[in-house]
C-alpha atoms as a PDB file:
ATOM      1  CA  MET A   1      -3.500 -14.638 -20.095  1.00  0.00           C
ATOM      2  CA  LEU A   2      -0.780 -16.626 -22.430  1.00  0.00           C
ATOM      3  CA  GLY A   3      -3.288 -17.820 -25.029  1.00  0.00           C
ATOM      4  CA  THR A   4      -2.386 -20.097 -28.073  1.00  0.00           C
ATOM      5  CA  GLU A   5      -0.588 -19.445 -31.573  1.00  0.00           C
ATOM      6  CA  ASP A   6      -4.267 -19.209 -33.100  1.00  0.00           C
ATOM      7  CA  GLU A   7      -5.728 -17.292 -30.276  1.00  0.00           C
ATOM      8  CA  PRO A   8      -2.961 -15.144 -28.516  1.00  0.00           C
ATOM      9  CA  GLY A   9      -3.697 -14.008 -24.978  1.00  0.00           C
ATOM     10  CA  ILE A  10      -3.638 -10.460 -23.461  1.00  0.00           C
ATOM     11  CA  TYR A  11       0.197 -10.706 -23.042  1.00  0.00           C
ATOM     12  CA  MET A  12       0.993 -11.126 -26.636  1.00  0.00           C
ATOM     13  CA  LEU A  13      -1.737  -8.585 -27.829  1.00  0.00           C
ATOM     14  CA  ALA A  14      -0.353  -6.104 -25.514  1.00  0.00           C
ATOM     15  CA  ALA A  15       3.164  -6.601 -26.585  1.00  0.00           C
ATOM     16  CA  ARG A  16       2.037  -6.510 -30.450  1.00  0.00           C
ATOM     17  CA  ASP A  17       0.512  -3.324 -29.843  1.00  0.00           C
ATOM     18  CA  VAL A  18       3.642  -1.879 -28.188  1.00  0.00           C
ATOM     19  CA  PHE A  19       5.993  -2.919 -30.903  1.00  0.00           C
ATOM     20  CA  ASP A  20       3.555  -1.364 -33.612  1.00  0.00           C
ATOM     21  CA  THR A  21       3.788   1.853 -31.616  1.00  0.00           C
ATOM     22  CA  LEU A  22       7.606   1.655 -31.276  1.00  0.00           C
ATOM     23  CA  THR A  23       7.968   1.506 -35.209  1.00  0.00           C
ATOM     24  CA  GLN A  24       7.025   5.070 -35.246  1.00  0.00           C
ATOM     25  CA  PRO A  25       9.966   7.547 -35.664  1.00  0.00           C
ATOM     26  CA  LYS A  26       8.767   9.642 -32.663  1.00  0.00           C
ATOM     27  CA  TYR A  27       9.244   6.665 -30.447  1.00  0.00           C
ATOM     28  CA  ALA A  28      12.304   5.155 -32.112  1.00  0.00           C
ATOM     29  CA  HIS A  29      14.305   6.299 -28.752  1.00  0.00           C
ATOM     30  CA  LEU A  30      12.302   3.931 -26.640  1.00  0.00           C
ATOM     31  CA  GLU A  31      13.059   0.171 -25.947  1.00  0.00           C
ATOM     32  CA  LEU A  32      10.847  -2.440 -24.250  1.00  0.00           C
ATOM     33  CA  ARG A  33      12.208  -4.253 -21.250  1.00  0.00           C
ATOM     34  CA  VAL A  34      10.350  -7.166 -19.514  1.00  0.00           C
ATOM     35  CA  SER A  35      10.584  -8.373 -15.829  1.00  0.00           C
ATOM     36  CA  SER A  36       8.378 -10.843 -14.082  1.00  0.00           C
ATOM     37  CA  TYR A  37       7.919 -12.007 -10.530  1.00  0.00           C
ATOM     38  CA  GLU A  38       5.489 -14.174  -8.486  1.00  0.00           C
ATOM     39  CA  ILE A  39       4.464 -13.823  -4.943  1.00  0.00           C
ATOM     40  CA  TYR A  40       4.483 -17.183  -3.159  1.00  0.00           C
ATOM     41  CA  ALA A  41       4.279 -17.715   0.493  1.00  0.00           C
ATOM     42  CA  SER A  42       4.604 -14.109   1.260  1.00  0.00           C
ATOM     43  CA  LYS A  43       7.862 -13.788  -0.594  1.00  0.00           C
ATOM     44  CA  VAL A  44       8.659 -12.373  -4.079  1.00  0.00           C
ATOM     45  CA  TYR A  45      10.525 -14.629  -6.632  1.00  0.00           C
ATOM     46  CA  ASP A  46      12.151 -13.249  -9.830  1.00  0.00           C
ATOM     47  CA  LEU A  47      10.824 -15.596 -12.539  1.00  0.00           C
ATOM     48  CA  LEU A  48      13.348 -14.522 -15.055  1.00  0.00           C
ATOM     49  CA  ASN A  49      16.440 -15.062 -12.694  1.00  0.00           C
ATOM     50  CA  ASN A  50      16.316 -18.465 -11.321  1.00  0.00           C
ATOM     51  CA  ARG A  51      13.594 -17.624  -8.778  1.00  0.00           C
ATOM     52  CA  ALA A  52      15.815 -15.410  -6.745  1.00  0.00           C
ATOM     53  CA  VAL A  53      14.208 -13.833  -3.723  1.00  0.00           C
ATOM     54  CA  CYS A  54      13.705 -10.061  -4.013  1.00  0.00           C
ATOM     55  CA  PRO A  55      12.916  -7.759  -1.042  1.00  0.00           C
ATOM     56  CA  ILE A  56      10.208  -4.959  -1.306  1.00  0.00           C
ATOM     57  CA  ARG A  57      11.469  -1.605  -0.322  1.00  0.00           C
ATOM     58  CA  GLU A  58       9.739   1.886  -0.232  1.00  0.00           C
ATOM     59  CA  ASP A  59      11.885   4.752  -1.480  1.00  0.00           C
ATOM     60  CA  ALA A  60      12.020   8.274  -0.399  1.00  0.00           C
ATOM     61  CA  ARG A  61       9.256   9.123  -2.817  1.00  0.00           C
ATOM     62  CA  LYS A  62       6.886   6.653  -1.400  1.00  0.00           C
ATOM     63  CA  ARG A  63       7.117   4.392  -4.368  1.00  0.00           C
ATOM     64  CA  VAL A  64       7.396   0.710  -3.759  1.00  0.00           C
ATOM     65  CA  ASN A  65      10.171  -1.193  -5.525  1.00  0.00           C
ATOM     66  CA  VAL A  66      11.076  -4.821  -5.981  1.00  0.00           C
ATOM     67  CA  VAL A  67      14.786  -4.768  -5.259  1.00  0.00           C
ATOM     68  CA  GLY A  68      16.984  -6.674  -7.573  1.00  0.00           C
ATOM     69  CA  LEU A  69      14.387  -7.521  -9.944  1.00  0.00           C
ATOM     70  CA  SER A  70      15.941  -8.416 -13.330  1.00  0.00           C
ATOM     71  CA  GLU A  71      14.934  -6.787 -16.776  1.00  0.00           C
ATOM     72  CA  THR A  72      15.270  -8.390 -20.179  1.00  0.00           C
ATOM     73  CA  ALA A  73      15.264  -6.226 -23.268  1.00  0.00           C
ATOM     74  CA  VAL A  74      13.128  -7.595 -26.048  1.00  0.00           C
ATOM     75  CA  SER A  75      13.103  -6.162 -29.639  1.00  0.00           C
ATOM     76  CA  ASP A  76      10.622  -8.464 -31.410  1.00  0.00           C
ATOM     77  CA  LEU A  77       7.691 -10.748 -30.731  1.00  0.00           C
ATOM     78  CA  THR A  78       9.768 -14.012 -30.976  1.00  0.00           C
ATOM     79  CA  THR A  79      11.959 -12.958 -28.139  1.00  0.00           C
ATOM     80  CA  TYR A  80       9.236 -11.715 -26.105  1.00  0.00           C
ATOM     81  CA  ARG A  81       7.232 -15.156 -26.742  1.00  0.00           C
ATOM     82  CA  SER A  82      10.439 -17.139 -25.398  1.00  0.00           C
ATOM     83  CA  VAL A  83      10.460 -14.741 -22.157  1.00  0.00           C
ATOM     84  CA  LEU A  84       7.016 -15.485 -21.603  1.00  0.00           C
ATOM     85  CA  MET A  85       7.861 -19.285 -21.797  1.00  0.00           C
ATOM     86  CA  LEU A  86      10.581 -19.028 -19.220  1.00  0.00           C
ATOM     87  CA  MET A  87       8.213 -17.119 -16.944  1.00  0.00           C
ATOM     88  CA  ALA A  88       5.471 -19.895 -17.306  1.00  0.00           C
ATOM     89  CA  GLU A  89       7.856 -22.717 -16.564  1.00  0.00           C
ATOM     90  CA  ALA A  90       9.395 -20.975 -13.562  1.00  0.00           C
ATOM     91  CA  ARG A  91       5.978 -20.195 -11.946  1.00  0.00           C
ATOM     92  CA  ARG A  92       4.945 -22.423  -9.019  1.00  0.00           C
ATOM     93  CA  THR A  93       2.043 -24.728 -10.017  1.00  0.00           C
ATOM     94  CA  ALA A  94       0.720 -28.086  -8.544  1.00  0.00           C
ATOM     95  CA  ALA A  95      -1.986 -30.629  -8.732  1.00  0.00           C
ATOM     96  CA  THR A  96      -4.948 -30.197  -6.357  1.00  0.00           C
ATOM     97  CA  CYS A  97      -8.098 -32.042  -5.776  1.00  0.00           C
ATOM     98  CA  ALA A  98     -10.017 -29.468  -7.805  1.00  0.00           C
ATOM     99  CA  HIS A  99      -7.574 -29.030 -10.834  1.00  0.00           C
ATOM    100  CA  ALA A 100      -4.956 -31.196 -12.520  1.00  0.00           C
ATOM    101  CA  GLU A 101      -2.569 -27.959 -12.740  1.00  0.00           C
ATOM    102  CA  SER A 102      -3.304 -24.990 -10.377  1.00  0.00           C
ATOM    103  CA  SER A 103      -1.266 -21.771  -9.798  1.00  0.00           C
ATOM    104  CA  ARG A 104      -0.085 -21.655  -6.376  1.00  0.00           C
ATOM    105  CA  SER A 105       0.985 -18.073  -6.633  1.00  0.00           C
ATOM    106  CA  HIS A 106       0.223 -14.534  -7.884  1.00  0.00           C
ATOM    107  CA  ALA A 107       2.261 -13.810 -11.028  1.00  0.00           C
ATOM    108  CA  CYS A 108       3.121 -10.375 -12.308  1.00  0.00           C
ATOM    109  CA  LEU A 109       4.550  -9.407 -15.801  1.00  0.00           C
ATOM    110  CA  GLN A 110       5.718  -5.870 -15.916  1.00  0.00           C
ATOM    111  CA  LEU A 111       6.621  -4.332 -19.447  1.00  0.00           C
ATOM    112  CA  THR A 112       8.739  -1.150 -19.059  1.00  0.00           C
ATOM    113  CA  LEU A 113       9.458   1.631 -21.749  1.00  0.00           C
ATOM    114  CA  ARG A 114      12.768   3.155 -21.365  1.00  0.00           C
ATOM    115  CA  ALA A 115      15.038   5.454 -23.271  1.00  0.00           C
ATOM    116  CA  ARG A 116      17.721   3.656 -25.163  1.00  0.00           C
ATOM    117  CA  SER A 117      21.040   4.019 -23.660  1.00  0.00           C
ATOM    118  CA  SER A 118      24.037   5.417 -25.834  1.00  0.00           C
ATOM    119  CA  GLY A 119      26.579   3.232 -24.108  1.00  0.00           C
ATOM    120  CA  ALA A 120      28.423   6.495 -22.701  1.00  0.00           C
ATOM    121  CA  ALA A 121      30.255   5.741 -19.386  1.00  0.00           C
ATOM    122  CA  THR A 122      29.214   8.939 -17.939  1.00  0.00           C
ATOM    123  CA  GLU A 123      25.481   8.677 -19.005  1.00  0.00           C
ATOM    124  CA  ARG A 124      22.998   8.903 -16.280  1.00  0.00           C
ATOM    125  CA  PRO A 125      20.501   6.044 -15.837  1.00  0.00           C
ATOM    126  CA  SER A 126      17.533   6.382 -18.182  1.00  0.00           C
ATOM    127  CA  LEU A 127      14.217   7.178 -16.678  1.00  0.00           C
ATOM    128  CA  ASP A 128      11.211   4.977 -17.052  1.00  0.00           C
ATOM    129  CA  THR A 129       8.879   6.370 -19.502  1.00  0.00           C
ATOM    130  CA  GLY A 130       5.845   4.013 -18.572  1.00  0.00           C
ATOM    131  CA  HIS A 131       4.765   0.608 -17.393  1.00  0.00           C
ATOM    132  CA  PHE A 132       2.151  -2.073 -18.269  1.00  0.00           C
ATOM    133  CA  ARG A 133       1.637  -4.303 -15.305  1.00  0.00           C
ATOM    134  CA  PHE A 134      -0.288  -7.618 -15.734  1.00  0.00           C
ATOM    135  CA  VAL A 135      -1.187  -9.647 -12.638  1.00  0.00           C
ATOM    136  CA  ASP A 136      -2.582 -13.101 -12.886  1.00  0.00           C
ATOM    137  CA  LEU A 137      -4.132 -13.733  -9.621  1.00  0.00           C
ATOM    138  CA  ALA A 138      -4.368 -17.473  -8.071  1.00  0.00           C
ATOM    139  CA  GLY A 139      -7.892 -18.527  -7.409  1.00  0.00           C
ATOM    140  CA  THR A 140      -9.672 -18.528  -4.066  1.00  0.00           C
ATOM    141  CA  GLU A 141      -9.053 -21.692  -2.371  1.00  0.00           C
ATOM    142  CA  ARG A 142     -11.973 -23.509  -0.578  1.00  0.00           C
ATOM    143  CA  GLY A 143     -11.751 -26.287   1.779  1.00  0.00           C
ATOM    144  CA  ALA A 144     -14.721 -27.874   0.235  1.00  0.00           C
ATOM    145  CA  ASP A 145     -12.898 -28.261  -3.055  1.00  0.00           C
ATOM    146  CA  ARG A 146     -10.845 -30.936  -1.347  1.00  0.00           C
ATOM    147  CA  GLU A 147     -13.481 -33.191  -0.454  1.00  0.00           C
ATOM    148  CA  GLY A 148     -13.447 -36.507  -2.060  1.00  0.00           C
ATOM    149  CA  GLY A 149      -9.712 -36.294  -2.925  1.00  0.00           C
ATOM    150  CA  VAL A 150      -6.506 -37.013  -1.109  1.00  0.00           C
ATOM    151  CA  LEU A 151      -3.107 -35.816  -2.033  1.00  0.00           C
ATOM    152  CA  ALA A 152       0.307 -37.045  -0.633  1.00  0.00           C
ATOM    153  CA  ASN A 153       1.202 -33.354  -0.168  1.00  0.00           C
ATOM    154  CA  GLU A 154      -2.153 -32.286   1.269  1.00  0.00           C
ATOM    155  CA  ARG A 155      -0.592 -30.279   4.150  1.00  0.00           C
ATOM    156  CA  GLU A 156       1.639 -28.182   1.610  1.00  0.00           C
ATOM    157  CA  ARG A 157      -1.295 -27.511  -0.564  1.00  0.00           C
ATOM    158  CA  ARG A 158      -3.335 -26.329   2.457  1.00  0.00           C
ATOM    159  CA  LEU A 159      -0.748 -23.928   3.646  1.00  0.00           C
ATOM    160  CA  GLU A 160      -0.478 -22.553   0.063  1.00  0.00           C
ATOM    161  CA  GLY A 161      -4.321 -22.003  -0.090  1.00  0.00           C
ATOM    162  CA  ALA A 162      -4.300 -20.238   3.238  1.00  0.00           C
ATOM    163  CA  GLU A 163      -1.501 -17.628   1.882  1.00  0.00           C
ATOM    164  CA  ILE A 164      -3.642 -17.217  -1.305  1.00  0.00           C
ATOM    165  CA  ASN A 165      -6.828 -16.455   0.642  1.00  0.00           C
ATOM    166  CA  LYS A 166      -4.979 -14.131   3.007  1.00  0.00           C
ATOM    167  CA  SER A 167      -3.693 -11.944   0.050  1.00  0.00           C
ATOM    168  CA  LEU A 168      -6.999 -12.024  -1.778  1.00  0.00           C
ATOM    169  CA  LEU A 169      -8.750 -10.834   1.392  1.00  0.00           C
ATOM    170  CA  ALA A 170      -6.221  -8.028   1.822  1.00  0.00           C
ATOM    171  CA  LEU A 171      -6.842  -7.000  -1.675  1.00  0.00           C
ATOM    172  CA  LYS A 172     -10.508  -7.038  -1.046  1.00  0.00           C
ATOM    173  CA  GLU A 173     -10.270  -4.859   1.987  1.00  0.00           C
ATOM    174  CA  CYS A 174      -8.072  -2.349  -0.150  1.00  0.00           C
ATOM    175  CA  ILE A 175     -10.720  -2.084  -2.617  1.00  0.00           C
ATOM    176  CA  ARG A 176     -13.487  -1.778  -0.060  1.00  0.00           C
ATOM    177  CA  SER A 177     -11.443   0.949   1.672  1.00  0.00           C
ATOM    178  CA  LEU A 178     -10.984   2.919  -1.464  1.00  0.00           C
ATOM    179  CA  ASP A 179     -14.460   2.499  -2.507  1.00  0.00           C
ATOM    180  CA  SER A 180     -15.624   3.922   0.922  1.00  0.00           C
ATOM    181  CA  GLY A 181     -13.290   6.816   0.774  1.00  0.00           C
ATOM    182  CA  LYS A 182     -11.509   5.852   4.112  1.00  0.00           C
ATOM    183  CA  SER A 183      -8.178   7.679   4.970  1.00  0.00           C
ATOM    184  CA  HIS A 184      -6.484   4.745   5.689  1.00  0.00           C
ATOM    185  CA  ILE A 185      -5.822   1.955   3.017  1.00  0.00           C
ATOM    186  CA  PRO A 186      -4.308  -1.350   4.615  1.00  0.00           C
ATOM    187  CA  PHE A 187      -1.845  -1.837   1.673  1.00  0.00           C
ATOM    188  CA  ARG A 188       0.604  -3.489   4.068  1.00  0.00           C
ATOM    189  CA  GLY A 189      -2.043  -6.406   4.715  1.00  0.00           C
ATOM    190  CA  ALA A 190      -0.208  -8.576   2.286  1.00  0.00           C
ATOM    191  CA  LYS A 191       2.805  -8.603  -0.035  1.00  0.00           C
ATOM    192  CA  LEU A 192       0.270  -8.489  -3.122  1.00  0.00           C
ATOM    193  CA  THR A 193      -1.283  -5.211  -2.215  1.00  0.00           C
ATOM    194  CA  GLU A 194       2.042  -3.734  -1.100  1.00  0.00           C
ATOM    195  CA  VAL A 195       3.367  -4.205  -4.749  1.00  0.00           C
ATOM    196  CA  LEU A 196       0.176  -2.994  -6.393  1.00  0.00           C
ATOM    197  CA  ARG A 197      -0.148   0.075  -4.443  1.00  0.00           C
ATOM    198  CA  ASP A 198       0.887   2.102  -7.454  1.00  0.00           C
ATOM    199  CA  SER A 199      -2.025   0.405  -9.206  1.00  0.00           C
ATOM    200  CA  PHE A 200      -4.432   1.548  -6.889  1.00  0.00           C
ATOM    201  CA  VAL A 201      -3.584   5.463  -6.405  1.00  0.00           C
ATOM    202  CA  GLY A 202      -1.865   8.039  -8.266  1.00  0.00           C
ATOM    203  CA  ASP A 203      -1.137   8.481 -11.940  1.00  0.00           C
ATOM    204  CA  CYS A 204      -2.713   4.936 -13.254  1.00  0.00           C
ATOM    205  CA  HIS A 205      -5.366   3.381 -15.216  1.00  0.00           C
ATOM    206  CA  THR A 206      -6.360  -0.155 -14.089  1.00  0.00           C
ATOM    207  CA  VAL A 207      -8.664  -2.667 -15.637  1.00  0.00           C
ATOM    208  CA  MET A 208     -10.041  -5.856 -14.092  1.00  0.00           C
ATOM    209  CA  ILE A 209     -10.648  -8.854 -16.151  1.00  0.00           C
ATOM    210  CA  GLY A 210     -12.672 -11.760 -14.781  1.00  0.00           C
ATOM    211  CA  THR A 211     -13.723 -14.940 -16.580  1.00  0.00           C
ATOM    212  CA  ILE A 212     -17.214 -16.324 -15.779  1.00  0.00           C
ATOM    213  CA  ALA A 213     -18.754 -19.315 -17.318  1.00  0.00           C
ATOM    214  CA  PRO A 214     -22.594 -18.785 -17.322  1.00  0.00           C
ATOM    215  CA  THR A 215     -23.402 -22.287 -19.101  1.00  0.00           C
ATOM    216  CA  ARG A 216     -25.767 -24.770 -18.097  1.00  0.00           C
ATOM    217  CA  CYS A 217     -22.652 -27.190 -17.648  1.00  0.00           C
ATOM    218  CA  ALA A 218     -21.099 -24.912 -15.232  1.00  0.00           C
ATOM    219  CA  PRO A 219     -21.648 -26.229 -11.625  1.00  0.00           C
ATOM    220  CA  VAL A 220     -23.835 -23.936  -9.534  1.00  0.00           C
ATOM    221  CA  GLU A 221     -24.223 -25.847  -6.492  1.00  0.00           C
ATOM    222  CA  PRO A 222     -21.933 -26.365  -3.505  1.00  0.00           C
ATOM    223  CA  PRO A 223     -19.040 -26.714  -3.395  1.00  0.00           C
ATOM    224  CA  PHE A 224     -18.897 -24.656  -6.465  1.00  0.00           C
ATOM    225  CA  PRO A 225     -21.016 -21.616  -6.055  1.00  0.00           C
ATOM    226  CA  PRO A 226     -21.599 -18.969  -8.514  1.00  0.00           C
ATOM    227  CA  PRO A 227     -19.061 -16.198  -8.787  1.00  0.00           C
ATOM    228  CA  SER A 228     -20.340 -14.388  -5.900  1.00  0.00           C
ATOM    229  CA  LEU A 229     -16.963 -13.123  -4.854  1.00  0.00           C
ATOM    230  CA  LEU A 230     -15.787 -11.819  -8.067  1.00  0.00           C
ATOM    231  CA  LEU A 231     -18.751  -9.774  -9.055  1.00  0.00           C
ATOM    232  CA  PRO A 232     -19.105  -7.511  -5.938  1.00  0.00           C
ATOM    233  CA  LEU A 233     -15.369  -6.769  -6.131  1.00  0.00           C
ATOM    234  CA  ALA A 234     -15.659  -5.860  -9.853  1.00  0.00           C
ATOM    235  CA  ARG A 235     -18.558  -3.660  -9.188  1.00  0.00           C
ATOM    236  CA  ARG A 236     -16.702  -1.577  -6.649  1.00  0.00           C
ATOM    237  CA  ALA A 237     -13.470  -1.581  -8.516  1.00  0.00           C
ATOM    238  CA  PRO A 238     -14.415   0.887 -11.519  1.00  0.00           C
ATOM    239  CA  ARG A 239     -15.868   3.414  -9.278  1.00  0.00           C
ATOM    240  CA  PRO A 240     -13.630   6.470  -9.377  1.00  0.00           C
ATOM    241  CA  SER A 241     -12.837   8.767  -6.405  1.00  0.00           C
ATOM    242  CA  ALA A 242     -10.065  11.034  -5.289  1.00  0.00           C
ATOM    243  CA  PRO A 243      -6.941   9.330  -4.027  1.00  0.00           C
ATOM    244  CA  PRO A 244      -6.798   8.843  -0.243  1.00  0.00           C
ATOM    245  CA  PRO A 245      -5.077  11.539   1.875  1.00  0.00           C
ATOM    246  CA  GLY A 246      -1.102  11.057   2.257  1.00  0.00           C
ATOM    247  CA  THR A 247      -0.764   9.299  -1.152  1.00  0.00           C
ATOM    248  CA  ARG A 248       1.579  10.650  -4.099  1.00  0.00           C
ATOM    249  CA  SER A 249       1.752  10.585  -7.521  1.00  0.00           C
ATOM    250  CA  SER A 250       4.711  10.572  -9.802  1.00  0.00           C
ATOM    251  CA  PRO A 251       6.047  14.156 -10.172  1.00  0.00           C
ATOM    252  CA  ARG A 252       6.919  13.360 -13.809  1.00  0.00           C
ATOM    253  CA  SER A 253       3.239  13.188 -14.945  1.00  0.00           C
ATOM    254  CA  THR A 254      -0.009  14.756 -14.270  1.00  0.00           C
ATOM    255  CA  PRO A 255      -1.984  12.930 -11.468  1.00  0.00           C
ATOM    256  CA  CYS A 256      -4.940  10.895 -12.530  1.00  0.00           C
ATOM    257  CA  ALA A 257      -7.989  12.482 -10.808  1.00  0.00           C
ATOM    258  CA  THR A 258     -10.156   9.481 -11.056  1.00  0.00           C
ATOM    259  CA  PRO A 259      -7.973   6.359 -10.533  1.00  0.00           C
ATOM    260  CA  ARG A 260      -9.489   2.969 -10.986  1.00  0.00           C
ATOM    261  CA  ARG A 261      -8.846   0.676  -8.103  1.00  0.00           C
ATOM    262  CA  CYS A 262      -8.644  -3.091  -8.718  1.00  0.00           C
ATOM    263  CA  ALA A 263      -6.130  -5.870  -9.413  1.00  0.00           C
ATOM    264  CA  PRO A 264      -4.889  -5.464 -12.943  1.00  0.00           C
ATOM    265  CA  SER A 265      -5.880  -8.438 -15.110  1.00  0.00           C
ATOM    266  CA  ALA A 266      -7.339 -10.559 -12.234  1.00  0.00           C
ATOM    267  CA  ARG A 267      -8.271 -14.114 -13.113  1.00  0.00           C
ATOM    268  CA  ALA A 268     -11.532 -15.002 -11.420  1.00  0.00           C
ATOM    269  CA  ALA A 269     -11.413 -17.890  -8.947  1.00  0.00           C
ATOM    270  CA  GLN A 270     -14.571 -19.285 -10.340  1.00  0.00           C
ATOM    271  CA  ALA A 271     -13.311 -19.447 -13.996  1.00  0.00           C
END
């Protein structure tokens, strides 16, 4: 997701395209603002504001909002890169028996295009023009991964793993329900699916990115099975269907007749 100086990741590539577009005269009135949060232990933390806890609320238009989430205006790639570094440092990571450094949360980076403010005191708040949302999912936790290793904080790692698995299961159930055309989609099954509801239905285009290593050195025997969890999920995700009854799209834009449903930019558990 972050990449390196020589091989920039999807975060940098996306921002580069956005800044290139904003140089065009017809988009000169827009500015790019960045926000980031993580979902850890069923709570949402602002990664750009000292990990402040942000509640999730649904407004009168049935849109899910992360209340109090801070935004940072960025004008160039250098400033944007520094924001990414702050985000990476604030995200919860820890050593496990499977990895020396493992993500213990789901992290979201949101790029928002807004009309520039003229600074007038009576000016109404500018409307969002568009969002780009990148979600880096923590990998599935398996109890077998801990065999042969003992950690001083093993209990904490197990609790974190249980929360990660619970949210990924809720995500799987939402995609399965959408794929089956069910009238009820269990978005409230986890904080992850609550905040991603706008990426499942309505005026959205969603892409799933999974990393799989089909090499001879990749372990294929237990406790590291093939990516059997990711592939069926990815197979279901691109299938288009009509939005379920009761869902709404933004009235400021034309609803997408065939939304793609999956976690944006999902990192595979078996990467």
